[in-house]
C-alpha atoms as a PDB file:
ATOM      1  CA  MET A   1     121.873 122.406 102.004  1.00  0.00           C
ATOM      2  CA  THR A   2     123.132 124.005 105.190  1.00  0.00           C
ATOM      3  CA  SER A   3     124.942 122.111 107.919  1.00  0.00           C
ATOM      4  CA  ARG A   4     121.962 122.629 110.218  1.00  0.00           C
ATOM      5  CA  GLN A   5     119.645 120.946 107.691  1.00  0.00           C
ATOM      6  CA  PHE A   6     122.119 118.080 107.213  1.00  0.00           C
ATOM      7  CA  LEU A   7     122.293 117.464 110.958  1.00  0.00           C
ATOM      8  CA  ALA A   8     118.496 117.548 111.136  1.00  0.00           C
ATOM      9  CA  ILE A   9     118.250 114.887 108.413  1.00  0.00           C
ATOM     10  CA  VAL A  10     120.841 112.707 110.166  1.00  0.00           C
ATOM     11  CA  GLY A  11     118.971 113.064 113.445  1.00  0.00           C
ATOM     12  CA  LEU A  12     115.687 112.174 111.747  1.00  0.00           C
ATOM     13  CA  VAL A  13     117.197 109.054 110.150  1.00  0.00           C
ATOM     14  CA  GLN A  14     118.700 107.957 113.456  1.00  0.00           C
ATOM     15  CA  GLY A  15     115.375 108.515 115.176  1.00  0.00           C
ATOM     16  CA  VAL A  16     113.576 106.378 112.581  1.00  0.00           C
ATOM     17  CA  LEU A  17     116.179 103.618 112.943  1.00  0.00           C
ATOM     18  CA  LEU A  18     115.897 103.718 116.741  1.00  0.00           C
ATOM     19  CA  ALA A  19     112.109 103.555 116.562  1.00  0.00           C
ATOM     20  CA  SER A  20     112.349 100.632 114.120  1.00  0.00           C
ATOM     21  CA  LEU A  21     114.700  98.821 116.486  1.00  0.00           C
ATOM     22  CA  ILE A  22     112.325  99.300 119.402  1.00  0.00           C
ATOM     23  CA  VAL A  23     109.391  98.046 117.326  1.00  0.00           C
ATOM     24  CA  LEU A  24     111.456  95.033 116.230  1.00  0.00           C
ATOM     25  CA  ILE A  25     112.349  94.198 119.844  1.00  0.00           C
ATOM     26  CA  VAL A  26     108.723  94.496 120.924  1.00  0.00           C
ATOM     27  CA  LEU A  27     107.485  92.344 118.030  1.00  0.00           C
ATOM     28  CA  ASN A  28     110.169  89.737 118.675  1.00  0.00           C
ATOM     29  CA  ARG A  29     109.188  89.581 122.335  1.00  0.00           C
ATOM     30  CA  TRP A  30     105.522  89.321 121.408  1.00  0.00           C
ATOM     31  CA  PHE A  31     106.130  86.490 118.944  1.00  0.00           C
ATOM     32  CA  ARG A  32     108.258  84.636 121.481  1.00  0.00           C
ATOM     33  CA  LEU A  33     105.561  84.924 124.146  1.00  0.00           C
ATOM     34  CA  ARG A  34     102.897  83.715 121.725  1.00  0.00           C
ATOM     35  CA  ARG A  35     105.068  80.791 120.683  1.00  0.00           C
ATOM     36  CA  ARG A  36     105.806  79.917 124.289  1.00  0.00           C
ATOM     37  CA  ALA A  37     102.106  80.063 125.192  1.00  0.00           C
ATOM     38  CA  ARG A  38     101.311  77.777 122.269  1.00  0.00           C
ATOM     39  CA  VAL A  39     104.099  75.282 122.995  1.00  0.00           C
ATOM     40  CA  HIS A  40     103.936  75.193 126.809  1.00  0.00           C
ATOM     41  CA  PRO A  41     100.878  72.878 126.997  1.00  0.00           C
ATOM     42  CA  ARG A  42     102.634  70.460 124.645  1.00  0.00           C
ATOM     43  CA  ARG A  43     105.696  70.414 126.866  1.00  0.00           C
ATOM     44  CA  LEU A  44     103.520  69.665 129.875  1.00  0.00           C
ATOM     45  CA  ALA A  45     101.867  66.875 127.904  1.00  0.00           C
ATOM     46  CA  VAL A  46     105.275  65.379 127.048  1.00  0.00           C
ATOM     47  CA  ASP A  47     106.359  65.498 130.699  1.00  0.00           C
ATOM     48  CA  ALA A  48     103.118  63.830 131.758  1.00  0.00           C
ATOM     49  CA  VAL A  49     103.329  61.008 129.240  1.00  0.00           C
ATOM     50  CA  MET A  50     107.047  60.489 129.948  1.00  0.00           C
ATOM     51  CA  GLN A  51     106.277  60.144 133.636  1.00  0.00           C
ATOM     52  CA  ARG A  52     103.542  57.590 132.937  1.00  0.00           C
ATOM     53  CA  TRP A  53     105.820  55.713 130.539  1.00  0.00           C
ATOM     54  CA  ALA A  54     108.621  55.603 133.105  1.00  0.00           C
ATOM     55  CA  LEU A  55     106.149  54.029 135.536  1.00  0.00           C
ATOM     56  CA  GLY A  56     104.970  51.526 132.923  1.00  0.00           C
ATOM     57  CA  GLN A  57     101.554  53.157 132.538  1.00  0.00           C
ATOM     58  CA  ALA A  58     101.936  54.295 128.900  1.00  0.00           C
ATOM     59  CA  ASP A  59     103.439  52.823 125.747  1.00  0.00           C
ATOM     60  CA  VAL A  60     106.294  54.124 123.603  1.00  0.00           C
ATOM     61  CA  GLY A  61     103.904  55.077 120.791  1.00  0.00           C
ATOM     62  CA  MET A  62     102.226  57.676 122.982  1.00  0.00           C
ATOM     63  CA  VAL A  63     105.627  59.127 123.938  1.00  0.00           C
ATOM     64  CA  LEU A  64     106.651  59.404 120.285  1.00  0.00           C
ATOM     65  CA  LEU A  65     103.340  61.040 119.381  1.00  0.00           C
ATOM     66  CA  ARG A  66     103.770  63.737 122.040  1.00  0.00           C
ATOM     67  CA  LEU A  67     107.393  64.357 121.093  1.00  0.00           C
ATOM     68  CA  ALA A  68     106.521  64.783 117.429  1.00  0.00           C
ATOM     69  CA  ARG A  69     104.173  67.661 118.323  1.00  0.00           C
ATOM     70  CA  LEU A  70     107.039  69.685 119.772  1.00  0.00           C
ATOM     71  CA  PRO A  71     109.598  71.682 117.770  1.00  0.00           C
ATOM     72  CA  ALA A  72     112.741  69.584 117.378  1.00  0.00           C
ATOM     73  CA  PRO A  73     114.917  71.664 119.788  1.00  0.00           C
ATOM     74  CA  LEU A  74     112.288  71.389 122.530  1.00  0.00           C
ATOM     75  CA  ALA A  75     111.880  67.674 121.889  1.00  0.00           C
ATOM     76  CA  VAL A  76     115.632  67.229 122.320  1.00  0.00           C
ATOM     77  CA  ASP A  77     115.515  69.247 125.561  1.00  0.00           C
ATOM     78  CA  ALA A  78     112.718  67.031 126.876  1.00  0.00           C
ATOM     79  CA  LEU A  79     114.634  63.860 126.033  1.00  0.00           C
ATOM     80  CA  VAL A  80     117.818  65.121 127.676  1.00  0.00           C
ATOM     81  CA  SER A  81     115.975  66.077 130.860  1.00  0.00           C
ATOM     82  CA  TRP A  82     114.276  62.661 131.122  1.00  0.00           C
ATOM     83  CA  SER A  83     117.205  60.463 130.062  1.00  0.00           C
ATOM     84  CA  ALA A  84     118.603  60.205 133.603  1.00  0.00           C
ATOM     85  CA  ARG A  85     115.228  59.351 135.145  1.00  0.00           C
ATOM     86  CA  VAL A  86     114.289  56.334 133.039  1.00  0.00           C
ATOM     87  CA  PRO A  87     115.812  52.838 133.469  1.00  0.00           C
ATOM     88  CA  GLY A  88     118.482  52.012 130.900  1.00  0.00           C
ATOM     89  CA  ASP A  89     116.741  49.082 129.214  1.00  0.00           C
ATOM     90  CA  ARG A  90     113.542  51.051 128.659  1.00  0.00           C
ATOM     91  CA  TRP A  91     115.524  54.020 127.376  1.00  0.00           C
ATOM     92  CA  GLN A  92     117.408  51.823 124.902  1.00  0.00           C
ATOM     93  CA  ARG A  93     114.089  50.687 123.436  1.00  0.00           C
ATOM     94  CA  LEU A  94     112.996  54.299 123.090  1.00  0.00           C
ATOM     95  CA  ALA A  95     116.294  55.241 121.407  1.00  0.00           C
ATOM     96  CA  ALA A  96     115.913  52.415 118.899  1.00  0.00           C
ATOM     97  CA  THR A  97     112.373  53.553 118.083  1.00  0.00           C
ATOM     98  CA  LEU A  98     113.405  57.199 117.773  1.00  0.00           C
ATOM     99  CA  ALA A  99     115.781  56.255 114.953  1.00  0.00           C
ATOM    100  CA  HIS A 100     112.774  55.888 112.646  1.00  0.00           C
ATOM    101  CA  GLN A 101     111.044  59.183 113.492  1.00  0.00           C
ATOM    102  CA  TRP A 102     111.052  61.842 110.759  1.00  0.00           C
ATOM    103  CA  TRP A 103     112.039  64.709 113.063  1.00  0.00           C
ATOM    104  CA  ALA A 104     114.839  62.632 114.609  1.00  0.00           C
ATOM    105  CA  ARG A 105     116.217  61.969 111.115  1.00  0.00           C
ATOM    106  CA  LEU A 106     116.272  65.713 110.484  1.00  0.00           C
ATOM    107  CA  VAL A 107     118.139  66.298 113.738  1.00  0.00           C
ATOM    108  CA  ARG A 108     120.685  63.633 112.789  1.00  0.00           C
ATOM    109  CA  ALA A 109     121.153  65.202 109.357  1.00  0.00           C
ATOM    110  CA  ASN A 110     122.228  68.463 111.007  1.00  0.00           C
ATOM    111  CA  SER A 111     125.524  66.832 112.024  1.00  0.00           C
ATOM    112  CA  GLY A 112     126.953  68.246 108.797  1.00  0.00           C
ATOM    113  CA  SER A 113     125.417  71.706 109.151  1.00  0.00           C
ATOM    114  CA  ALA A 114     127.576  74.782 108.676  1.00  0.00           C
ATOM    115  CA  ARG A 115     125.948  76.293 111.801  1.00  0.00           C
ATOM    116  CA  TRP A 116     127.550  75.092 115.006  1.00  0.00           C
ATOM    117  CA  TRP A 117     124.368  75.343 117.059  1.00  0.00           C
ATOM    118  CA  LYS A 118     122.679  72.883 114.712  1.00  0.00           C
ATOM    119  CA  ARG A 119     125.584  70.471 115.139  1.00  0.00           C
ATOM    120  CA  LEU A 120     125.320  71.007 118.903  1.00  0.00           C
ATOM    121  CA  GLU A 121     121.642  70.039 118.773  1.00  0.00           C
ATOM    122  CA  THR A 122     122.601  66.827 116.959  1.00  0.00           C
ATOM    123  CA  ALA A 123     125.328  66.070 119.500  1.00  0.00           C
ATOM    124  CA  ARG A 124     122.923  66.575 122.415  1.00  0.00           C
ATOM    125  CA  PHE A 125     120.343  64.331 120.785  1.00  0.00           C
ATOM    126  CA  LEU A 126     122.842  61.571 120.044  1.00  0.00           C
ATOM    127  CA  SER A 127     124.215  61.748 123.581  1.00  0.00           C
ATOM    128  CA  ILE A 128     120.949  60.247 124.807  1.00  0.00           C
ATOM    129  CA  ALA A 129     119.519  58.512 121.726  1.00  0.00           C
ATOM    130  CA  ALA A 130     122.468  57.176 119.725  1.00  0.00           C
ATOM    131  CA  VAL A 131     122.331  53.711 118.157  1.00  0.00           C
ATOM    132  CA  PRO A 132     125.232  51.727 116.634  1.00  0.00           C
ATOM    133  CA  ALA A 133     124.392  53.087 113.177  1.00  0.00           C
ATOM    134  CA  ASP A 134     125.302  56.573 114.454  1.00  0.00           C
ATOM    135  CA  THR A 135     128.958  55.694 115.115  1.00  0.00           C
ATOM    136  CA  ALA A 136     130.350  57.477 112.037  1.00  0.00           C
ATOM    137  CA  ARG A 137     128.226  60.560 112.750  1.00  0.00           C
ATOM    138  CA  VAL A 138     129.336  60.707 116.379  1.00  0.00           C
ATOM    139  CA  LEU A 139     132.970  60.274 115.327  1.00  0.00           C
ATOM    140  CA  LYS A 140     132.642  63.359 113.133  1.00  0.00           C
ATOM    141  CA  LEU A 141     131.110  65.346 115.995  1.00  0.00           C
ATOM    142  CA  LEU A 142     133.882  64.269 118.389  1.00  0.00           C
ATOM    143  CA  ARG A 143     136.365  65.844 115.973  1.00  0.00           C
ATOM    144  CA  ASP A 144     134.306  69.011 115.559  1.00  0.00           C
ATOM    145  CA  PRO A 145     136.329  72.238 115.936  1.00  0.00           C
ATOM    146  CA  HIS A 146     133.703  73.920 118.098  1.00  0.00           C
ATOM    147  CA  PRO A 147     134.208  73.068 121.805  1.00  0.00           C
ATOM    148  CA  ALA A 148     130.504  72.999 122.684  1.00  0.00           C
ATOM    149  CA  VAL A 149     129.846  70.399 119.993  1.00  0.00           C
ATOM    150  CA  HIS A 150     132.567  67.904 120.846  1.00  0.00           C
ATOM    151  CA  ILE A 151     131.962  68.298 124.601  1.00  0.00           C
ATOM    152  CA  ALA A 152     128.302  67.377 124.068  1.00  0.00           C
ATOM    153  CA  ALA A 153     129.225  64.543 121.711  1.00  0.00           C
ATOM    154  CA  VAL A 154     131.568  62.802 124.164  1.00  0.00           C
ATOM    155  CA  ALA A 155     128.583  61.954 126.369  1.00  0.00           C
ATOM    156  CA  THR A 156     127.581  59.507 123.618  1.00  0.00           C
ATOM    157  CA  LEU A 157     130.237  57.134 124.968  1.00  0.00           C
ATOM    158  CA  GLU A 158     127.778  56.349 127.742  1.00  0.00           C
ATOM    159  CA  ARG A 159     125.387  54.915 125.133  1.00  0.00           C
ATOM    160  CA  LEU A 160     127.706  53.431 122.511  1.00  0.00           C
ATOM    161  CA  GLU A 161     130.605  51.068 123.126  1.00  0.00           C
ATOM    162  CA  SER A 162     132.940  51.682 120.223  1.00  0.00           C
ATOM    163  CA  ALA A 163     136.721  51.474 119.997  1.00  0.00           C
ATOM    164  CA  ALA A 164     136.741  54.160 117.293  1.00  0.00           C
ATOM    165  CA  LEU A 165     134.819  56.641 119.462  1.00  0.00           C
ATOM    166  CA  ALA A 166     136.911  55.910 122.555  1.00  0.00           C
ATOM    167  CA  THR A 167     140.094  56.377 120.512  1.00  0.00           C
ATOM    168  CA  ALA A 168     138.933  59.736 119.160  1.00  0.00           C
ATOM    169  CA  ALA A 169     138.025  60.979 122.639  1.00  0.00           C
ATOM    170  CA  LEU A 170     141.233  59.659 124.175  1.00  0.00           C
ATOM    171  CA  GLU A 171     143.367  61.339 121.495  1.00  0.00           C
ATOM    172  CA  ARG A 172     141.665  64.649 122.187  1.00  0.00           C
ATOM    173  CA  LEU A 173     141.958  64.363 125.964  1.00  0.00           C
ATOM    174  CA  PRO A 174     145.536  65.702 126.313  1.00  0.00           C
ATOM    175  CA  LYS A 175     144.687  68.866 124.343  1.00  0.00           C
ATOM    176  CA  LEU A 176     141.801  69.932 126.570  1.00  0.00           C
ATOM    177  CA  ALA A 177     141.634  72.356 129.468  1.00  0.00           C
ATOM    178  CA  PRO A 178     141.790  70.610 132.877  1.00  0.00           C
ATOM    179  CA  THR A 179     138.071  70.992 133.654  1.00  0.00           C
ATOM    180  CA  VAL A 180     136.964  69.763 130.237  1.00  0.00           C
ATOM    181  CA  GLY A 181     139.573  67.019 130.399  1.00  0.00           C
ATOM    182  CA  ALA A 182     138.121  65.817 133.701  1.00  0.00           C
ATOM    183  CA  TYR A 183     134.673  65.610 132.075  1.00  0.00           C
ATOM    184  CA  TYR A 184     136.117  63.671 129.123  1.00  0.00           C
ATOM    185  CA  ALA A 185     137.857  61.349 131.561  1.00  0.00           C
ATOM    186  CA  GLY A 186     134.571  60.704 133.355  1.00  0.00           C
ATOM    187  CA  MET A 187     132.916  59.701 130.090  1.00  0.00           C
ATOM    188  CA  LEU A 188     135.856  57.553 129.019  1.00  0.00           C
ATOM    189  CA  ARG A 189     135.770  55.612 132.286  1.00  0.00           C
ATOM    190  CA  ARG A 190     132.374  54.277 131.258  1.00  0.00           C
ATOM    191  CA  SER A 191     134.037  52.522 128.302  1.00  0.00           C
ATOM    192  CA  ARG A 192     136.648  51.045 130.614  1.00  0.00           C
ATOM    193  CA  PRO A 193     137.516  47.742 128.841  1.00  0.00           C
ATOM    194  CA  VAL A 194     138.082  49.453 125.491  1.00  0.00           C
ATOM    195  CA  VAL A 195     139.909  52.421 127.025  1.00  0.00           C
ATOM    196  CA  VAL A 196     142.323  50.227 129.005  1.00  0.00           C
ATOM    197  CA  GLN A 197     143.421  48.386 125.871  1.00  0.00           C
ATOM    198  CA  LEU A 198     143.891  51.667 124.011  1.00  0.00           C
ATOM    199  CA  LEU A 199     145.891  53.140 126.880  1.00  0.00           C
ATOM    200  CA  LEU A 200     148.214  50.146 126.980  1.00  0.00           C
ATOM    201  CA  LYS A 201     149.142  50.922 123.371  1.00  0.00           C
ATOM    202  CA  MET A 202     149.329  54.707 123.747  1.00  0.00           C
ATOM    203  CA  LEU A 203     151.480  54.571 126.879  1.00  0.00           C
ATOM    204  CA  ARG A 204     154.143  52.747 124.861  1.00  0.00           C
ATOM    205  CA  ARG A 205     154.675  55.833 122.668  1.00  0.00           C
ATOM    206  CA  THR A 206     157.563  57.136 124.716  1.00  0.00           C
ATOM    207  CA  ASP A 207     158.080  60.159 122.429  1.00  0.00           C
ATOM    208  CA  ASP A 208     154.437  61.269 122.481  1.00  0.00           C
ATOM    209  CA  PRO A 209     154.113  64.906 123.715  1.00  0.00           C
ATOM    210  CA  ALA A 210     150.787  63.973 125.303  1.00  0.00           C
ATOM    211  CA  LEU A 211     152.278  61.140 127.353  1.00  0.00           C
ATOM    212  CA  ALA A 212     152.101  63.044 130.654  1.00  0.00           C
ATOM    213  CA  ARG A 213     148.357  63.703 130.324  1.00  0.00           C
ATOM    214  CA  LEU A 214     147.744  60.105 129.284  1.00  0.00           C
ATOM    215  CA  ALA A 215     149.685  58.871 132.304  1.00  0.00           C
ATOM    216  CA  GLU A 216     147.601  61.152 134.519  1.00  0.00           C
ATOM    217  CA  PHE A 217     144.397  59.681 133.095  1.00  0.00           C
ATOM    218  CA  ALA A 218     145.732  56.132 133.425  1.00  0.00           C
ATOM    219  CA  ALA A 219     146.427  56.793 137.099  1.00  0.00           C
ATOM    220  CA  ARG A 220     142.811  57.869 137.612  1.00  0.00           C
ATOM    221  CA  LEU A 221     141.512  54.580 136.250  1.00  0.00           C
ATOM    222  CA  GLN A 222     143.348  52.545 138.942  1.00  0.00           C
ATOM    223  CA  GLU A 223     143.285  49.580 136.592  1.00  0.00           C
ATOM    224  CA  PRO A 224     145.676  46.748 137.628  1.00  0.00           C
ATOM    225  CA  ALA A 225     146.538  46.045 133.990  1.00  0.00           C
ATOM    226  CA  LEU A 226     148.115  49.513 133.705  1.00  0.00           C
ATOM    227  CA  ARG A 227     150.504  49.127 136.636  1.00  0.00           C
ATOM    228  CA  GLU A 228     153.421  47.763 134.610  1.00  0.00           C
ATOM    229  CA  ARG A 229     153.253  50.606 132.074  1.00  0.00           C
ATOM    230  CA  LEU A 230     153.121  53.245 134.817  1.00  0.00           C
ATOM    231  CA  THR A 231     156.054  51.566 136.547  1.00  0.00           C
ATOM    232  CA  ALA A 232     158.052  51.753 133.324  1.00  0.00           C
ATOM    233  CA  LEU A 233     157.139  55.413 132.824  1.00  0.00           C
ATOM    234  CA  ALA A 234     158.508  56.259 136.274  1.00  0.00           C
ATOM    235  CA  ASP A 235     161.962  56.175 134.633  1.00  0.00           C
ATOM    236  CA  HIS A 236     160.992  58.296 131.614  1.00  0.00           C
ATOM    237  CA  ARG A 237     163.318  61.121 130.599  1.00  0.00           C
ATOM    238  CA  ASP A 238     160.536  63.734 130.860  1.00  0.00           C
ATOM    239  CA  PRO A 239     160.103  64.896 134.498  1.00  0.00           C
ATOM    240  CA  GLU A 240     156.393  65.600 133.986  1.00  0.00           C
ATOM    241  CA  VAL A 241     155.795  62.049 132.757  1.00  0.00           C
ATOM    242  CA  ARG A 242     157.739  60.678 135.725  1.00  0.00           C
ATOM    243  CA  THR A 243     155.733  62.866 138.097  1.00  0.00           C
ATOM    244  CA  GLN A 244     152.397  61.598 136.791  1.00  0.00           C
ATOM    245  CA  ALA A 245     153.550  57.977 136.719  1.00  0.00           C
ATOM    246  CA  VAL A 246     154.904  58.137 140.274  1.00  0.00           C
ATOM    247  CA  ARG A 247     151.702  59.785 141.459  1.00  0.00           C
ATOM    248  CA  GLY A 248     149.654  56.992 139.904  1.00  0.00           C
ATOM    249  CA  LEU A 249     151.675  54.192 141.493  1.00  0.00           C
ATOM    250  CA  GLY A 250     150.213  55.123 144.871  1.00  0.00           C
ATOM    251  CA  SER A 251     147.071  53.255 143.800  1.00  0.00           C
ATOM    252  CA  TYR A 252     148.927  50.023 143.032  1.00  0.00           C
ATOM    253  CA  PRO A 253     150.163  48.128 146.121  1.00  0.00           C
ATOM    254  CA  HIS A 254     152.929  45.965 144.705  1.00  0.00           C
ATOM    255  CA  ALA A 255     156.584  45.241 145.467  1.00  0.00           C
ATOM    256  CA  GLU A 256     157.660  46.822 142.161  1.00  0.00           C
ATOM    257  CA  SER A 257     155.648  49.939 142.976  1.00  0.00           C
ATOM    258  CA  ILE A 258     157.403  50.327 146.322  1.00  0.00           C
ATOM    259  CA  ALA A 259     160.824  49.769 144.764  1.00  0.00           C
ATOM    260  CA  THR A 260     160.138  52.326 142.028  1.00  0.00           C
ATOM    261  CA  LEU A 261     158.802  54.898 144.480  1.00  0.00           C
ATOM    262  CA  THR A 262     161.809  54.394 146.749  1.00  0.00           C
ATOM    263  CA  ARG A 263     164.102  55.329 143.852  1.00  0.00           C
ATOM    264  CA  ALA A 264     161.875  58.230 142.844  1.00  0.00           C
ATOM    265  CA  ALA A 265     161.980  59.673 146.375  1.00  0.00           C
ATOM    266  CA  ALA A 266     165.627  60.540 145.707  1.00  0.00           C
ATOM    267  CA  ALA A 267     165.036  62.136 142.284  1.00  0.00           C
ATOM    268  CA  ALA A 268     166.629  65.437 141.357  1.00  0.00           C
ATOM    269  CA  GLU A 269     163.252  67.065 140.564  1.00  0.00           C
ATOM    270  CA  TRP A 270     161.302  68.127 143.630  1.00  0.00           C
ATOM    271  CA  SER A 271     157.966  67.439 141.911  1.00  0.00           C
ATOM    272  CA  VAL A 272     158.934  63.781 141.420  1.00  0.00           C
ATOM    273  CA  ARG A 273     160.136  63.490 145.029  1.00  0.00           C
ATOM    274  CA  ALA A 274     156.908  65.059 146.332  1.00  0.00           C
ATOM    275  CA  GLN A 275     154.660  62.672 144.415  1.00  0.00           C
ATOM    276  CA  ALA A 276     156.835  59.685 145.318  1.00  0.00           C
ATOM    277  CA  VAL A 277     156.500  60.485 149.024  1.00  0.00           C
ATOM    278  CA  ARG A 278     152.763  61.009 148.602  1.00  0.00           C
ATOM    279  CA  SER A 279     152.372  57.612 146.913  1.00  0.00           C
ATOM    280  CA  LEU A 280     154.468  55.886 149.588  1.00  0.00           C
ATOM    281  CA  GLY A 281     152.086  57.303 152.163  1.00  0.00           C
ATOM    282  CA  MET A 282     149.092  55.932 150.217  1.00  0.00           C
ATOM    283  CA  LEU A 283     150.654  52.472 150.117  1.00  0.00           C
ATOM    284  CA  GLY A 284     151.607  52.653 153.802  1.00  0.00           C
ATOM    285  CA  ASP A 285     154.341  50.001 153.738  1.00  0.00           C
ATOM    286  CA  PRO A 286     156.003  50.040 157.201  1.00  0.00           C
ATOM    287  CA  GLN A 287     159.442  49.471 155.654  1.00  0.00           C
ATOM    288  CA  THR A 288     159.243  52.834 153.861  1.00  0.00           C
ATOM    289  CA  LEU A 289     158.434  54.799 157.029  1.00  0.00           C
ATOM    290  CA  PRO A 290     162.068  55.888 157.631  1.00  0.00           C
ATOM    291  CA  LEU A 291     162.303  57.133 154.031  1.00  0.00           C
ATOM    292  CA  VAL A 292     159.147  59.211 154.368  1.00  0.00           C
ATOM    293  CA  GLN A 293     160.296  60.502 157.749  1.00  0.00           C
ATOM    294  CA  ALA A 294     163.620  61.581 156.198  1.00  0.00           C
ATOM    295  CA  ALA A 295     161.698  63.546 153.554  1.00  0.00           C
ATOM    296  CA  LEU A 296     160.570  65.916 156.343  1.00  0.00           C
ATOM    297  CA  ARG A 297     164.085  67.382 156.081  1.00  0.00           C
ATOM    298  CA  ASP A 298     163.927  67.890 152.319  1.00  0.00           C
ATOM    299  CA  PRO A 299     165.044  71.378 151.136  1.00  0.00           C
ATOM    300  CA  GLU A 300     161.794  71.842 149.179  1.00  0.00           C
ATOM    301  CA  TRP A 301     158.697  72.863 151.188  1.00  0.00           C
ATOM    302  CA  TRP A 302     156.280  70.921 148.955  1.00  0.00           C
ATOM    303  CA  VAL A 303     158.208  67.702 149.525  1.00  0.00           C
ATOM    304  CA  ARG A 304     158.137  68.262 153.283  1.00  0.00           C
ATOM    305  CA  LEU A 305     154.390  68.921 153.110  1.00  0.00           C
ATOM    306  CA  ARG A 306     153.790  65.684 151.218  1.00  0.00           C
ATOM    307  CA  ALA A 307     156.000  63.823 153.675  1.00  0.00           C
ATOM    308  CA  GLY A 308     154.074  65.170 156.651  1.00  0.00           C
ATOM    309  CA  LEU A 309     150.739  64.236 155.100  1.00  0.00           C
ATOM    310  CA  ALA A 310     152.084  60.812 154.134  1.00  0.00           C
ATOM    311  CA  LEU A 311     153.152  60.109 157.718  1.00  0.00           C
ATOM    312  CA  THR A 312     149.568  60.647 158.901  1.00  0.00           C
ATOM    313  CA  ARG A 313     148.578  57.659 156.740  1.00  0.00           C
ATOM    314  CA  PHE A 314     150.935  55.296 158.578  1.00  0.00           C
ATOM    315  CA  GLY A 315     148.750  55.316 161.705  1.00  0.00           C
ATOM    316  CA  PRO A 316     150.366  55.383 165.185  1.00  0.00           C
ATOM    317  CA  PRO A 317     153.934  54.789 163.858  1.00  0.00           C
ATOM    318  CA  GLY A 318     153.571  57.781 161.559  1.00  0.00           C
ATOM    319  CA  ARG A 319     152.241  59.962 164.354  1.00  0.00           C
ATOM    320  CA  ASN A 320     155.141  58.917 166.551  1.00  0.00           C
ATOM    321  CA  ALA A 321     157.511  59.930 163.760  1.00  0.00           C
ATOM    322  CA  LEU A 322     155.859  63.361 163.632  1.00  0.00           C
ATOM    323  CA  LEU A 323     156.122  63.731 167.416  1.00  0.00           C
ATOM    324  CA  GLU A 324     159.787  62.812 167.210  1.00  0.00           C
ATOM    325  CA  ALA A 325     160.400  65.368 164.465  1.00  0.00           C
ATOM    326  CA  ASP A 326     158.480  68.000 166.445  1.00  0.00           C
ATOM    327  CA  VAL A 327     161.216  68.014 169.100  1.00  0.00           C
ATOM    328  CA  GLY A 328     164.100  67.123 166.768  1.00  0.00           C
ATOM    329  CA  PRO A 329     167.084  69.278 165.776  1.00  0.00           C
ATOM    330  CA  ASP A 330     165.997  70.082 162.186  1.00  0.00           C
ATOM    331  CA  GLN A 331     164.039  73.346 161.985  1.00  0.00           C
ATOM    332  CA  ASN A 332     162.244  72.463 158.725  1.00  0.00           C
ATOM    333  CA  ALA A 333     161.151  69.081 160.068  1.00  0.00           C
ATOM    334  CA  ARG A 334     159.979  70.661 163.346  1.00  0.00           C
ATOM    335  CA  ASP A 335     157.879  73.256 161.550  1.00  0.00           C
ATOM    336  CA  MET A 336     156.199  70.714 159.263  1.00  0.00           C
ATOM    337  CA  ALA A 337     155.573  68.234 162.084  1.00  0.00           C
ATOM    338  CA  HIS A 338     154.076  71.000 164.210  1.00  0.00           C
ATOM    339  CA  LEU A 339     151.773  71.945 161.313  1.00  0.00           C
ATOM    340  CA  MET A 340     150.616  68.341 160.761  1.00  0.00           C
ATOM    341  CA  LEU A 341     150.005  67.696 164.454  1.00  0.00           C
ATOM    342  CA  GLY A 342     147.879  70.831 164.704  1.00  0.00           C
ATOM    343  CA  LEU A 343     145.526  69.980 161.838  1.00  0.00           C
ATOM    344  CA  SER A 344     142.152  68.346 162.383  1.00  0.00           C
ATOM    345  CA  THR A 345     141.316  64.954 160.885  1.00  0.00           C
ATOM    346  CA  GLN A 346     139.052  66.572 158.284  1.00  0.00           C
ATOM    347  CA  ALA A 347     141.723  69.078 157.281  1.00  0.00           C
ATOM    348  CA  LEU A 348     144.290  66.297 156.917  1.00  0.00           C
ATOM    349  CA  ALA A 349     141.918  64.340 154.678  1.00  0.00           C
ATOM    350  CA  GLU A 350     141.371  67.381 152.443  1.00  0.00           C
ATOM    351  CA  PHE A 351     145.081  68.184 152.171  1.00  0.00           C
ATOM    352  CA  ALA A 352     146.066  64.591 151.525  1.00  0.00           C
ATOM    353  CA  ALA A 353     143.570  64.123 148.668  1.00  0.00           C
END
């Protein structure tokens, strides 16, 4: 066999494979279009009966009948899309009834599947149709290694009030990226009573590497019961923990908060000083005005920025302090005061957030 013949055979084989690939793509597209054309009327029927049921013009049995005619993934999609549009009590009755449907049992069974997209389907379904009997299954999904699965599963906290589920989500919170962590925090806030009790215990673990993230989340809750623990953490040996604790104390108007923030405003770490000044501005105690005004002369620009923004929260006395600094002898204080006085009210609100 010559090299020319060999190349011709290779070219022929590649041509056959390319033609087969094109045929496969065309057939796949054709089958998908046929399936969509067959399923689309059923989806419209589900939307129609769900709308009537939401208005009290149809019973749950009709909804279940229409859902059972859809493939399980499409049925889950329909339930997810309608879950936010139906009153909670009616939806709870539907969730309890769904627990006995054959296709819903199959979806639940996929929580142990080796394929992550099957586990994701289960997590999405349980996020809107979970019942107390699903607690162990949801707990497993919350600990799933695939991010899409456990992110979908955490939404179940909106439906189930369970200390075990809240604990699992709270333990995972410090390990998440900021955006995902914010979503987790939003879900955890819906289980507030349970989460507060868990946080009170977890914030006592002074050697926990995740303590800073937990303190940050505790500050977001603005729960009065957490004030004492955040006050104690303001003296922690880790600067990041102190920074988060000091930042959170701005939401707790109390004499101990003001005393702690006054000490923190003189900390060696500029990040702690900046957040202490910010929190003093949020509390707006007139007695701390001279301290915040003095922070306009801090060597660190971020501290001066926080001091300038904090002074705008003190009302007329704070503005007078900025006007005084604007013509004062300190160059850093003059520059920051000039910047604050030149910003609009909307810009100040955005910067001070």
